[in-house]
């Protein structure tokens, strides 16, 4: 992939903690980061994914991609029941509604906590690559998470532009990635299938 637009991590960071939802969404972003001299550590934090089998398929695809590039992947704990408890009362919310915002905050707060505990000054997320997600909600959630840890900055980047969406499709084909049909939680299954 040719550099189609220039990126620079906040503070000129050369390593970032990349919250990753799946291999298809992360593939072109990871490639772009590496082309710009930024080494991502992949943080797989997705307790929203249901069922467990789906979670494992997506995690294994992320691991396969990370391994092929010589990158580290961190597997956060999968506690779907705890996540469900956090979403109580929001089950009927539409996609891009209150449930999604709370889910993003939950996952990015875990990301910021890990960054704080392991010396990462910058976090970003592949959630911002999906046209199905609200960039405003993602930015709000990322800023919320980073605000809890003064040594962590959220990098709000629109990962849909600069040819990344097109490159993503090419990489999916190249690697034969499993490409899911719904966001991840059981509530999105009924609206995206």
N, C-alpha and C. Protein backbone atom coordinates (compact mmCIF):
# COMPACT_ATOMS: atom_id res chain seq x y z
N UNK A 1 0.84 -1.18 0.00
CA UNK A 1 0.00 0.00 0.00
C UNK A 1 0.88 1.24 0.00
N UNK A 2 0.61 2.17 -0.87
CA UNK A 2 1.34 3.43 -0.91
C UNK A 2 0.76 4.35 0.15
N UNK A 3 1.62 5.21 0.68
CA UNK A 3 1.13 6.20 1.64
C UNK A 3 0.18 7.14 0.90
N UNK A 4 -1.09 7.14 1.29
CA UNK A 4 -2.05 8.00 0.63
C UNK A 4 -2.35 9.23 1.46
N UNK A 5 -2.01 9.17 2.73
CA UNK A 5 -2.13 10.34 3.58
C UNK A 5 -1.14 10.19 4.72
N UNK A 6 -0.75 11.30 5.27
CA UNK A 6 0.25 11.27 6.34
C UNK A 6 -0.43 11.19 7.69
N UNK A 7 0.15 10.39 8.56
CA UNK A 7 -0.34 10.31 9.93
C UNK A 7 0.84 10.50 10.87
N UNK A 8 0.52 11.00 12.05
CA UNK A 8 1.52 11.10 13.10
C UNK A 8 0.81 10.91 14.42
N UNK A 9 1.33 9.99 15.20
CA UNK A 9 0.74 9.74 16.52
C UNK A 9 0.95 10.95 17.41
N UNK A 10 0.04 11.18 18.35
CA UNK A 10 0.21 12.29 19.29
C UNK A 10 1.58 12.22 19.97
N UNK A 11 2.21 13.37 20.07
CA UNK A 11 3.51 13.45 20.71
C UNK A 11 4.62 12.77 19.93
N UNK A 12 4.33 12.41 18.67
CA UNK A 12 5.33 11.73 17.86
C UNK A 12 5.65 10.32 18.32
N UNK A 13 4.71 9.70 19.05
CA UNK A 13 4.92 8.35 19.59
C UNK A 13 5.25 7.37 18.47
N UNK A 14 6.17 6.46 18.75
CA UNK A 14 6.54 5.45 17.76
C UNK A 14 5.99 4.08 18.13
N UNK A 15 5.31 4.00 19.26
CA UNK A 15 4.59 2.78 19.60
C UNK A 15 3.24 3.18 20.17
N UNK A 16 2.22 2.42 19.80
CA UNK A 16 0.87 2.69 20.28
C UNK A 16 0.22 1.37 20.69
N UNK A 17 -0.74 1.49 21.59
CA UNK A 17 -1.57 0.35 21.95
C UNK A 17 -2.83 0.46 21.11
N UNK A 18 -3.01 -0.50 20.22
CA UNK A 18 -4.12 -0.48 19.27
C UNK A 18 -5.22 -1.41 19.72
N UNK A 19 -6.32 -0.84 20.23
CA UNK A 19 -7.48 -1.67 20.54
C UNK A 19 -8.01 -2.22 19.22
N UNK A 20 -8.12 -3.53 19.15
CA UNK A 20 -8.48 -4.20 17.90
C UNK A 20 -9.73 -5.03 18.08
N UNK A 21 -10.69 -4.81 17.19
CA UNK A 21 -11.94 -5.57 17.28
C UNK A 21 -11.90 -6.85 16.45
N UNK A 22 -11.15 -6.83 15.34
CA UNK A 22 -11.06 -8.02 14.48
C UNK A 22 -9.94 -7.81 13.47
N UNK A 23 -9.52 -8.89 12.82
CA UNK A 23 -8.45 -8.80 11.83
C UNK A 23 -8.84 -7.96 10.61
N UNK A 24 -10.05 -8.16 10.05
CA UNK A 24 -10.41 -7.33 8.88
C UNK A 24 -10.34 -5.83 9.17
N UNK A 25 -10.86 -5.40 10.31
CA UNK A 25 -10.86 -3.97 10.64
C UNK A 25 -9.46 -3.44 10.94
N UNK A 26 -8.60 -4.29 11.48
CA UNK A 26 -7.28 -3.82 11.89
C UNK A 26 -6.22 -3.90 10.81
N UNK A 27 -6.43 -4.74 9.82
CA UNK A 27 -5.37 -5.07 8.87
C UNK A 27 -4.73 -3.85 8.19
N UNK A 28 -5.51 -3.04 7.53
CA UNK A 28 -4.96 -1.88 6.81
C UNK A 28 -4.43 -0.82 7.78
N UNK A 29 -5.04 -0.71 8.95
CA UNK A 29 -4.56 0.25 9.95
C UNK A 29 -3.17 -0.14 10.42
N UNK A 30 -3.01 -1.42 10.74
CA UNK A 30 -1.70 -1.90 11.19
C UNK A 30 -0.64 -1.65 10.12
N UNK A 31 -0.98 -1.99 8.89
CA UNK A 31 -0.05 -1.77 7.78
C UNK A 31 0.32 -0.29 7.67
N UNK A 32 -0.65 0.58 7.75
CA UNK A 32 -0.44 2.02 7.66
C UNK A 32 0.44 2.52 8.80
N UNK A 33 0.16 2.07 10.02
CA UNK A 33 0.97 2.48 11.16
C UNK A 33 2.43 2.10 10.95
N UNK A 34 2.63 0.86 10.53
CA UNK A 34 4.00 0.37 10.35
C UNK A 34 4.72 1.13 9.24
N UNK A 35 4.00 1.50 8.19
CA UNK A 35 4.60 2.28 7.11
C UNK A 35 5.02 3.67 7.56
N UNK A 36 4.42 4.14 8.63
CA UNK A 36 4.74 5.46 9.16
C UNK A 36 5.67 5.37 10.38
N UNK A 37 6.32 4.22 10.55
CA UNK A 37 7.30 4.07 11.63
C UNK A 37 6.71 3.91 13.01
N UNK A 38 5.44 3.52 13.07
CA UNK A 38 4.75 3.34 14.35
C UNK A 38 4.50 1.85 14.55
N UNK A 39 4.97 1.32 15.68
CA UNK A 39 4.78 -0.09 15.98
C UNK A 39 3.57 -0.25 16.89
N UNK A 40 2.52 -0.92 16.39
CA UNK A 40 1.36 -1.15 17.24
C UNK A 40 1.51 -2.44 18.04
N UNK A 41 1.07 -2.40 19.28
CA UNK A 41 0.82 -3.61 20.05
C UNK A 41 -0.69 -3.79 20.03
N UNK A 42 -1.11 -4.95 19.62
CA UNK A 42 -2.54 -5.20 19.42
C UNK A 42 -3.17 -5.61 20.75
N UNK A 43 -4.20 -4.88 21.14
CA UNK A 43 -4.91 -5.16 22.39
C UNK A 43 -6.29 -5.68 22.02
N UNK A 44 -6.47 -6.98 22.21
CA UNK A 44 -7.72 -7.63 21.84
C UNK A 44 -8.63 -7.66 23.07
N UNK A 45 -9.51 -6.67 23.16
CA UNK A 45 -10.44 -6.52 24.29
C UNK A 45 -11.85 -6.45 23.73
N UNK A 46 -12.53 -7.58 23.72
CA UNK A 46 -13.85 -7.66 23.10
C UNK A 46 -14.80 -8.58 23.86
N UNK A 47 -15.11 -8.23 25.12
CA UNK A 47 -16.03 -9.07 25.89
C UNK A 47 -17.47 -9.00 25.38
N UNK A 48 -17.70 -8.09 24.45
CA UNK A 48 -19.03 -7.94 23.85
C UNK A 48 -19.34 -9.06 22.87
N UNK A 49 -18.32 -9.72 22.34
CA UNK A 49 -18.55 -10.68 21.26
C UNK A 49 -19.26 -11.93 21.78
N UNK A 50 -20.27 -12.33 21.05
CA UNK A 50 -21.11 -13.47 21.41
C UNK A 50 -21.41 -14.26 20.14
N UNK A 51 -21.38 -15.58 20.23
CA UNK A 51 -21.01 -16.43 21.37
C UNK A 51 -19.50 -16.58 21.48
N UNK A 52 -19.06 -17.38 22.47
CA UNK A 52 -17.63 -17.59 22.70
C UNK A 52 -16.93 -18.09 21.45
N UNK A 53 -17.57 -18.96 20.69
CA UNK A 53 -16.96 -19.49 19.46
C UNK A 53 -16.62 -18.36 18.49
N UNK A 54 -17.50 -17.39 18.38
CA UNK A 54 -17.26 -16.23 17.52
C UNK A 54 -16.06 -15.43 18.02
N UNK A 55 -16.02 -15.22 19.33
CA UNK A 55 -14.90 -14.52 19.96
C UNK A 55 -13.58 -15.20 19.61
N UNK A 56 -13.54 -16.51 19.74
CA UNK A 56 -12.32 -17.26 19.48
C UNK A 56 -11.89 -17.20 18.02
N UNK A 57 -12.85 -17.29 17.11
CA UNK A 57 -12.52 -17.18 15.68
C UNK A 57 -11.88 -15.83 15.39
N UNK A 58 -12.49 -14.77 15.88
CA UNK A 58 -11.96 -13.43 15.64
C UNK A 58 -10.60 -13.24 16.29
N UNK A 59 -10.45 -13.73 17.52
CA UNK A 59 -9.16 -13.62 18.21
C UNK A 59 -8.08 -14.38 17.45
N UNK A 60 -8.40 -15.57 16.98
CA UNK A 60 -7.42 -16.37 16.25
C UNK A 60 -6.99 -15.70 14.95
N UNK A 61 -7.91 -15.04 14.27
CA UNK A 61 -7.57 -14.32 13.05
C UNK A 61 -6.66 -13.13 13.35
N UNK A 62 -6.94 -12.42 14.44
CA UNK A 62 -6.06 -11.31 14.86
C UNK A 62 -4.67 -11.82 15.20
N UNK A 63 -4.63 -12.94 15.90
CA UNK A 63 -3.36 -13.54 16.28
C UNK A 63 -2.57 -13.97 15.05
N UNK A 64 -3.25 -14.57 14.10
CA UNK A 64 -2.60 -15.01 12.87
C UNK A 64 -1.97 -13.82 12.13
N UNK A 65 -2.72 -12.72 12.04
CA UNK A 65 -2.20 -11.54 11.34
C UNK A 65 -1.03 -10.92 12.10
N UNK A 66 -1.18 -10.77 13.42
CA UNK A 66 -0.11 -10.20 14.24
C UNK A 66 1.16 -11.02 14.12
N UNK A 67 1.02 -12.32 14.20
CA UNK A 67 2.17 -13.22 14.12
C UNK A 67 2.87 -13.09 12.77
N UNK A 68 2.08 -12.97 11.70
CA UNK A 68 2.67 -12.86 10.36
C UNK A 68 3.50 -11.59 10.21
N UNK A 69 3.20 -10.57 11.02
CA UNK A 69 3.91 -9.29 10.96
C UNK A 69 4.94 -9.14 12.08
N UNK A 70 5.04 -10.14 12.94
CA UNK A 70 5.98 -10.08 14.05
C UNK A 70 5.57 -9.11 15.14
N UNK A 71 4.25 -8.91 15.29
CA UNK A 71 3.74 -7.98 16.29
C UNK A 71 3.22 -8.72 17.52
N UNK A 72 3.24 -8.02 18.64
CA UNK A 72 2.71 -8.57 19.88
C UNK A 72 1.20 -8.37 19.92
N UNK A 73 0.50 -9.40 20.39
CA UNK A 73 -0.94 -9.28 20.62
C UNK A 73 -1.21 -9.62 22.08
N UNK A 74 -2.01 -8.78 22.72
CA UNK A 74 -2.39 -8.98 24.12
C UNK A 74 -3.85 -9.37 24.13
N UNK A 75 -4.15 -10.50 24.74
CA UNK A 75 -5.52 -10.99 24.83
C UNK A 75 -6.07 -10.60 26.20
N UNK A 76 -6.98 -9.65 26.23
CA UNK A 76 -7.61 -9.25 27.48
C UNK A 76 -8.61 -10.32 27.90
N UNK A 77 -8.98 -10.32 29.15
CA UNK A 77 -9.92 -11.33 29.64
C UNK A 77 -11.26 -11.23 28.92
N UNK A 78 -11.84 -12.41 28.64
CA UNK A 78 -13.18 -12.47 28.03
C UNK A 78 -14.17 -12.73 29.15
N UNK A 79 -14.92 -11.69 29.50
CA UNK A 79 -15.94 -11.83 30.54
C UNK A 79 -17.25 -11.24 29.99
N UNK A 80 -17.92 -12.06 29.19
CA UNK A 80 -19.14 -11.61 28.54
C UNK A 80 -20.24 -11.30 29.55
N UNK A 81 -20.31 -12.07 30.62
CA UNK A 81 -21.36 -11.83 31.62
C UNK A 81 -21.19 -10.47 32.30
N UNK A 82 -19.95 -10.11 32.61
CA UNK A 82 -19.70 -8.79 33.22
C UNK A 82 -20.09 -7.70 32.23
N UNK A 83 -19.72 -7.89 30.96
CA UNK A 83 -20.09 -6.91 29.93
C UNK A 83 -21.61 -6.78 29.84
N UNK A 84 -22.32 -7.93 29.84
CA UNK A 84 -23.80 -7.91 29.78
C UNK A 84 -24.38 -7.12 30.94
N UNK A 85 -23.83 -7.32 32.13
CA UNK A 85 -24.32 -6.58 33.30
C UNK A 85 -24.15 -5.07 33.10
N UNK A 86 -23.02 -4.68 32.49
CA UNK A 86 -22.78 -3.26 32.22
C UNK A 86 -23.79 -2.69 31.23
N UNK A 87 -24.32 -3.54 30.36
CA UNK A 87 -25.25 -3.08 29.32
C UNK A 87 -26.72 -3.19 29.75
N UNK A 88 -26.96 -3.59 30.97
CA UNK A 88 -28.32 -3.76 31.46
C UNK A 88 -29.14 -2.49 31.25
N UNK A 89 -30.31 -2.68 30.67
CA UNK A 89 -31.21 -1.57 30.39
C UNK A 89 -31.03 -0.98 29.00
N UNK A 90 -29.97 -1.39 28.31
CA UNK A 90 -29.67 -0.85 26.98
C UNK A 90 -29.84 -1.89 25.88
N UNK A 91 -30.39 -3.03 26.23
CA UNK A 91 -30.50 -4.15 25.28
C UNK A 91 -31.27 -3.79 24.02
N UNK A 92 -32.26 -2.93 24.13
CA UNK A 92 -33.12 -2.59 22.98
C UNK A 92 -32.64 -1.36 22.21
N UNK A 93 -31.54 -0.80 22.64
CA UNK A 93 -31.01 0.37 21.94
C UNK A 93 -30.63 0.00 20.50
N UNK A 94 -30.82 0.92 19.57
CA UNK A 94 -30.39 0.65 18.19
C UNK A 94 -28.88 0.74 18.06
N UNK A 95 -28.35 0.21 16.98
CA UNK A 95 -26.94 0.38 16.71
C UNK A 95 -26.66 1.88 16.60
N UNK A 96 -25.51 2.30 17.09
CA UNK A 96 -25.10 3.70 17.22
C UNK A 96 -25.86 4.43 18.32
N UNK A 97 -26.54 3.67 19.16
CA UNK A 97 -27.28 4.26 20.27
C UNK A 97 -26.46 4.22 21.55
N UNK A 98 -27.17 4.36 22.66
CA UNK A 98 -26.52 4.42 23.97
C UNK A 98 -25.74 3.17 24.34
N UNK A 99 -26.19 2.01 23.90
CA UNK A 99 -25.48 0.77 24.22
C UNK A 99 -24.09 0.76 23.58
N UNK A 100 -24.02 1.18 22.33
CA UNK A 100 -22.73 1.21 21.63
C UNK A 100 -21.75 2.16 22.33
N UNK A 101 -22.23 3.33 22.71
CA UNK A 101 -21.36 4.28 23.40
C UNK A 101 -20.83 3.68 24.70
N UNK A 102 -21.73 3.06 25.46
CA UNK A 102 -21.30 2.47 26.74
C UNK A 102 -20.33 1.32 26.50
N UNK A 103 -20.57 0.53 25.48
CA UNK A 103 -19.68 -0.58 25.12
C UNK A 103 -18.30 -0.05 24.75
N UNK A 104 -18.25 0.99 23.93
CA UNK A 104 -16.97 1.58 23.53
C UNK A 104 -16.22 2.10 24.76
N UNK A 105 -16.93 2.78 25.65
CA UNK A 105 -16.30 3.30 26.86
C UNK A 105 -15.72 2.16 27.69
N UNK A 106 -16.48 1.09 27.82
CA UNK A 106 -16.05 -0.06 28.60
C UNK A 106 -14.76 -0.65 28.05
N UNK A 107 -14.73 -0.89 26.76
CA UNK A 107 -13.57 -1.52 26.13
C UNK A 107 -12.36 -0.59 26.05
N UNK A 108 -12.59 0.68 25.78
CA UNK A 108 -11.47 1.62 25.68
C UNK A 108 -10.92 1.99 27.05
N UNK A 109 -11.76 1.93 28.09
CA UNK A 109 -11.26 2.13 29.44
C UNK A 109 -10.31 1.00 29.83
N UNK A 110 -10.64 -0.23 29.44
CA UNK A 110 -9.74 -1.38 29.67
C UNK A 110 -8.42 -1.16 28.90
N UNK A 111 -8.54 -0.63 27.70
CA UNK A 111 -7.36 -0.36 26.88
C UNK A 111 -6.47 0.70 27.53
N UNK A 112 -7.09 1.78 27.99
CA UNK A 112 -6.34 2.86 28.64
C UNK A 112 -5.68 2.36 29.93
N UNK A 113 -6.38 1.53 30.66
CA UNK A 113 -5.82 0.98 31.90
C UNK A 113 -4.58 0.14 31.59
N UNK A 114 -4.68 -0.72 30.57
CA UNK A 114 -3.54 -1.54 30.19
C UNK A 114 -2.37 -0.66 29.72
N UNK A 115 -2.69 0.37 28.94
CA UNK A 115 -1.65 1.29 28.46
C UNK A 115 -0.93 1.94 29.64
N UNK A 116 -1.70 2.41 30.59
CA UNK A 116 -1.15 3.05 31.79
C UNK A 116 -0.24 2.10 32.56
N UNK A 117 -0.67 0.86 32.69
CA UNK A 117 0.08 -0.13 33.48
C UNK A 117 1.30 -0.68 32.75
N UNK A 118 1.37 -0.50 31.41
CA UNK A 118 2.45 -1.10 30.64
C UNK A 118 3.25 -0.10 29.81
N UNK A 119 3.15 1.18 30.15
CA UNK A 119 4.05 2.17 29.56
C UNK A 119 3.71 2.65 28.16
N UNK A 120 2.46 2.54 27.74
CA UNK A 120 2.05 3.10 26.46
C UNK A 120 1.47 4.48 26.71
N UNK A 121 1.91 5.47 25.95
CA UNK A 121 1.39 6.82 26.14
C UNK A 121 0.23 7.13 25.20
N UNK A 122 0.04 6.30 24.15
CA UNK A 122 -0.98 6.56 23.14
C UNK A 122 -1.79 5.30 22.88
N UNK A 123 -3.12 5.47 22.85
CA UNK A 123 -4.03 4.40 22.44
C UNK A 123 -4.86 4.89 21.27
N UNK A 124 -5.27 3.95 20.44
CA UNK A 124 -6.22 4.23 19.36
C UNK A 124 -7.02 2.95 19.14
N UNK A 125 -8.01 3.00 18.27
CA UNK A 125 -8.88 1.84 18.11
C UNK A 125 -9.28 1.62 16.65
N UNK A 126 -9.40 0.36 16.31
CA UNK A 126 -9.86 -0.01 14.97
C UNK A 126 -11.36 0.18 14.81
N UNK A 127 -12.07 0.45 15.89
CA UNK A 127 -13.51 0.70 15.79
C UNK A 127 -13.77 1.85 14.81
N UNK A 128 -12.81 2.77 14.72
CA UNK A 128 -12.96 3.94 13.85
C UNK A 128 -12.76 3.61 12.37
N UNK A 129 -12.65 2.33 12.05
CA UNK A 129 -12.54 1.95 10.63
C UNK A 129 -13.88 1.49 10.07
N UNK A 130 -14.83 1.22 10.95
CA UNK A 130 -16.11 0.66 10.50
C UNK A 130 -17.12 1.74 10.15
N UNK A 131 -17.68 1.63 8.97
CA UNK A 131 -18.71 2.60 8.56
C UNK A 131 -19.99 2.43 9.37
N UNK A 132 -20.10 1.31 10.09
CA UNK A 132 -21.29 1.04 10.90
C UNK A 132 -21.23 1.71 12.26
N UNK A 133 -20.09 2.29 12.59
CA UNK A 133 -19.90 2.89 13.91
C UNK A 133 -19.82 4.41 13.80
N UNK A 134 -20.24 5.06 14.89
CA UNK A 134 -20.22 6.52 14.96
C UNK A 134 -18.83 7.00 15.40
N UNK A 135 -18.18 7.78 14.54
CA UNK A 135 -16.87 8.33 14.90
C UNK A 135 -16.97 9.25 16.12
N UNK A 136 -18.08 9.95 16.25
CA UNK A 136 -18.28 10.84 17.39
C UNK A 136 -18.34 10.03 18.69
N UNK A 137 -19.06 8.91 18.67
CA UNK A 137 -19.14 8.05 19.86
C UNK A 137 -17.77 7.47 20.20
N UNK A 138 -17.04 7.05 19.19
CA UNK A 138 -15.71 6.46 19.41
C UNK A 138 -14.78 7.50 20.02
N UNK A 139 -14.80 8.71 19.49
CA UNK A 139 -13.95 9.77 20.03
C UNK A 139 -14.35 10.11 21.47
N UNK A 140 -15.65 10.18 21.72
CA UNK A 140 -16.12 10.47 23.09
C UNK A 140 -15.65 9.37 24.05
N UNK A 141 -15.79 8.12 23.64
CA UNK A 141 -15.39 7.00 24.49
C UNK A 141 -13.88 6.99 24.71
N UNK A 142 -13.12 7.24 23.65
CA UNK A 142 -11.67 7.25 23.78
C UNK A 142 -11.17 8.36 24.69
N UNK A 143 -11.75 9.54 24.54
CA UNK A 143 -11.37 10.66 25.40
C UNK A 143 -11.76 10.41 26.84
N UNK A 144 -12.94 9.80 27.04
CA UNK A 144 -13.39 9.42 28.38
C UNK A 144 -12.37 8.47 29.02
N UNK A 145 -11.96 7.44 28.27
CA UNK A 145 -11.03 6.45 28.80
C UNK A 145 -9.68 7.07 29.13
N UNK A 146 -9.15 7.87 28.22
CA UNK A 146 -7.84 8.49 28.44
C UNK A 146 -7.87 9.51 29.57
N UNK A 147 -9.01 10.12 29.80
CA UNK A 147 -9.10 11.13 30.86
C UNK A 147 -8.90 10.52 32.25
N UNK A 148 -9.06 9.22 32.37
CA UNK A 148 -8.88 8.54 33.65
C UNK A 148 -7.40 8.28 33.96
N UNK A 149 -6.56 8.42 32.94
CA UNK A 149 -5.13 8.14 33.09
C UNK A 149 -4.34 9.29 32.45
N UNK A 150 -3.83 10.22 33.25
CA UNK A 150 -3.17 11.41 32.71
C UNK A 150 -1.97 11.12 31.81
N UNK A 151 -1.39 9.93 31.92
CA UNK A 151 -0.23 9.61 31.10
C UNK A 151 -0.61 8.93 29.79
N UNK A 152 -1.91 8.84 29.51
CA UNK A 152 -2.40 8.19 28.29
C UNK A 152 -3.19 9.18 27.45
N UNK A 153 -2.91 9.20 26.15
CA UNK A 153 -3.62 10.06 25.20
C UNK A 153 -4.38 9.18 24.23
N UNK A 154 -5.62 9.57 23.94
CA UNK A 154 -6.40 8.87 22.91
C UNK A 154 -6.14 9.53 21.57
N UNK A 155 -5.77 8.75 20.61
CA UNK A 155 -5.52 9.21 19.25
C UNK A 155 -6.80 9.01 18.45
N UNK A 156 -7.55 10.08 18.25
CA UNK A 156 -8.80 10.04 17.49
C UNK A 156 -8.46 10.20 16.02
N UNK A 157 -8.40 9.10 15.32
CA UNK A 157 -8.04 9.10 13.90
C UNK A 157 -9.17 8.47 13.10
N UNK A 158 -9.55 9.10 12.01
CA UNK A 158 -10.53 8.50 11.10
C UNK A 158 -9.79 7.49 10.22
N UNK A 159 -9.92 6.22 10.56
CA UNK A 159 -9.21 5.16 9.85
C UNK A 159 -9.97 4.68 8.62
N UNK A 160 -10.94 5.45 8.15
CA UNK A 160 -11.71 5.09 6.95
C UNK A 160 -11.15 5.75 5.69
N UNK A 161 -10.32 6.77 5.88
CA UNK A 161 -9.90 7.57 4.73
C UNK A 161 -8.53 7.15 4.22
N UNK A 162 -8.06 7.84 3.21
CA UNK A 162 -6.72 7.63 2.69
C UNK A 162 -6.51 6.30 2.00
N UNK A 163 -7.60 5.69 1.53
CA UNK A 163 -7.48 4.41 0.84
C UNK A 163 -7.46 3.20 1.77
N UNK A 164 -7.60 3.43 3.07
CA UNK A 164 -7.54 2.32 4.01
C UNK A 164 -8.73 1.36 3.86
N UNK A 165 -9.90 1.88 3.56
CA UNK A 165 -11.07 1.00 3.37
C UNK A 165 -10.86 0.06 2.19
N UNK A 166 -10.30 0.60 1.12
CA UNK A 166 -10.04 -0.22 -0.07
C UNK A 166 -8.92 -1.23 0.20
N UNK A 167 -7.87 -0.78 0.90
CA UNK A 167 -6.76 -1.68 1.22
C UNK A 167 -7.21 -2.81 2.14
N UNK A 168 -8.11 -2.48 3.04
CA UNK A 168 -8.68 -3.48 3.96
C UNK A 168 -9.27 -4.64 3.16
N UNK A 169 -10.05 -4.33 2.12
CA UNK A 169 -10.68 -5.38 1.31
C UNK A 169 -9.63 -6.24 0.61
N UNK A 170 -8.54 -5.61 0.16
CA UNK A 170 -7.45 -6.36 -0.48
C UNK A 170 -6.78 -7.32 0.50
N UNK A 171 -6.53 -6.84 1.71
CA UNK A 171 -5.85 -7.68 2.70
C UNK A 171 -6.76 -8.84 3.13
N UNK A 172 -8.05 -8.58 3.26
CA UNK A 172 -8.99 -9.65 3.61
C UNK A 172 -8.89 -10.79 2.60
N UNK A 173 -8.81 -10.42 1.31
CA UNK A 173 -8.66 -11.44 0.26
C UNK A 173 -7.31 -12.12 0.32
N UNK A 174 -6.25 -11.33 0.50
CA UNK A 174 -4.90 -11.89 0.54
C UNK A 174 -4.74 -12.93 1.64
N UNK A 175 -5.28 -12.64 2.81
CA UNK A 175 -5.13 -13.52 3.97
C UNK A 175 -6.27 -14.53 4.11
N UNK A 176 -7.33 -14.35 3.33
CA UNK A 176 -8.49 -15.22 3.47
C UNK A 176 -9.13 -15.10 4.84
N UNK A 177 -9.17 -13.87 5.37
CA UNK A 177 -9.72 -13.65 6.70
C UNK A 177 -11.19 -14.01 6.78
N UNK A 178 -11.55 -14.56 7.91
CA UNK A 178 -12.96 -14.70 8.28
C UNK A 178 -13.50 -13.28 8.44
N UNK A 179 -14.58 -12.97 7.76
CA UNK A 179 -15.17 -11.63 7.82
C UNK A 179 -16.58 -11.75 8.38
N UNK A 180 -16.74 -11.36 9.62
CA UNK A 180 -18.00 -11.54 10.33
C UNK A 180 -19.15 -10.76 9.70
N UNK A 181 -20.36 -11.17 10.04
CA UNK A 181 -21.56 -10.55 9.48
C UNK A 181 -22.28 -9.64 10.46
N UNK A 182 -21.74 -9.49 11.67
CA UNK A 182 -22.37 -8.61 12.67
C UNK A 182 -21.29 -8.05 13.57
N UNK A 183 -21.61 -6.98 14.26
CA UNK A 183 -20.63 -6.26 15.09
C UNK A 183 -19.98 -7.19 16.11
N UNK A 184 -20.78 -7.95 16.82
CA UNK A 184 -20.19 -8.84 17.81
C UNK A 184 -21.14 -9.26 18.91
N UNK A 185 -21.92 -8.34 19.43
CA UNK A 185 -22.80 -8.71 20.54
C UNK A 185 -24.10 -9.32 20.02
N UNK A 186 -24.77 -10.01 20.91
CA UNK A 186 -26.02 -10.67 20.51
C UNK A 186 -27.09 -9.68 20.06
N UNK A 187 -26.99 -8.44 20.52
CA UNK A 187 -27.98 -7.43 20.15
C UNK A 187 -27.75 -6.98 18.70
N UNK A 188 -26.51 -6.92 18.29
CA UNK A 188 -26.23 -6.53 16.90
C UNK A 188 -26.52 -7.66 15.92
N UNK A 189 -26.55 -8.90 16.40
CA UNK A 189 -26.87 -10.03 15.52
C UNK A 189 -28.23 -9.85 14.88
N UNK A 190 -29.17 -9.37 15.66
CA UNK A 190 -30.54 -9.27 15.14
C UNK A 190 -30.74 -8.10 14.19
N UNK A 191 -29.82 -7.12 14.24
CA UNK A 191 -30.00 -5.94 13.38
C UNK A 191 -29.10 -5.95 12.16
N UNK A 192 -27.99 -6.69 12.20
CA UNK A 192 -27.03 -6.63 11.09
C UNK A 192 -27.08 -7.87 10.21
N UNK A 193 -27.70 -8.93 10.63
CA UNK A 193 -27.75 -10.14 9.79
C UNK A 193 -28.71 -9.99 8.64
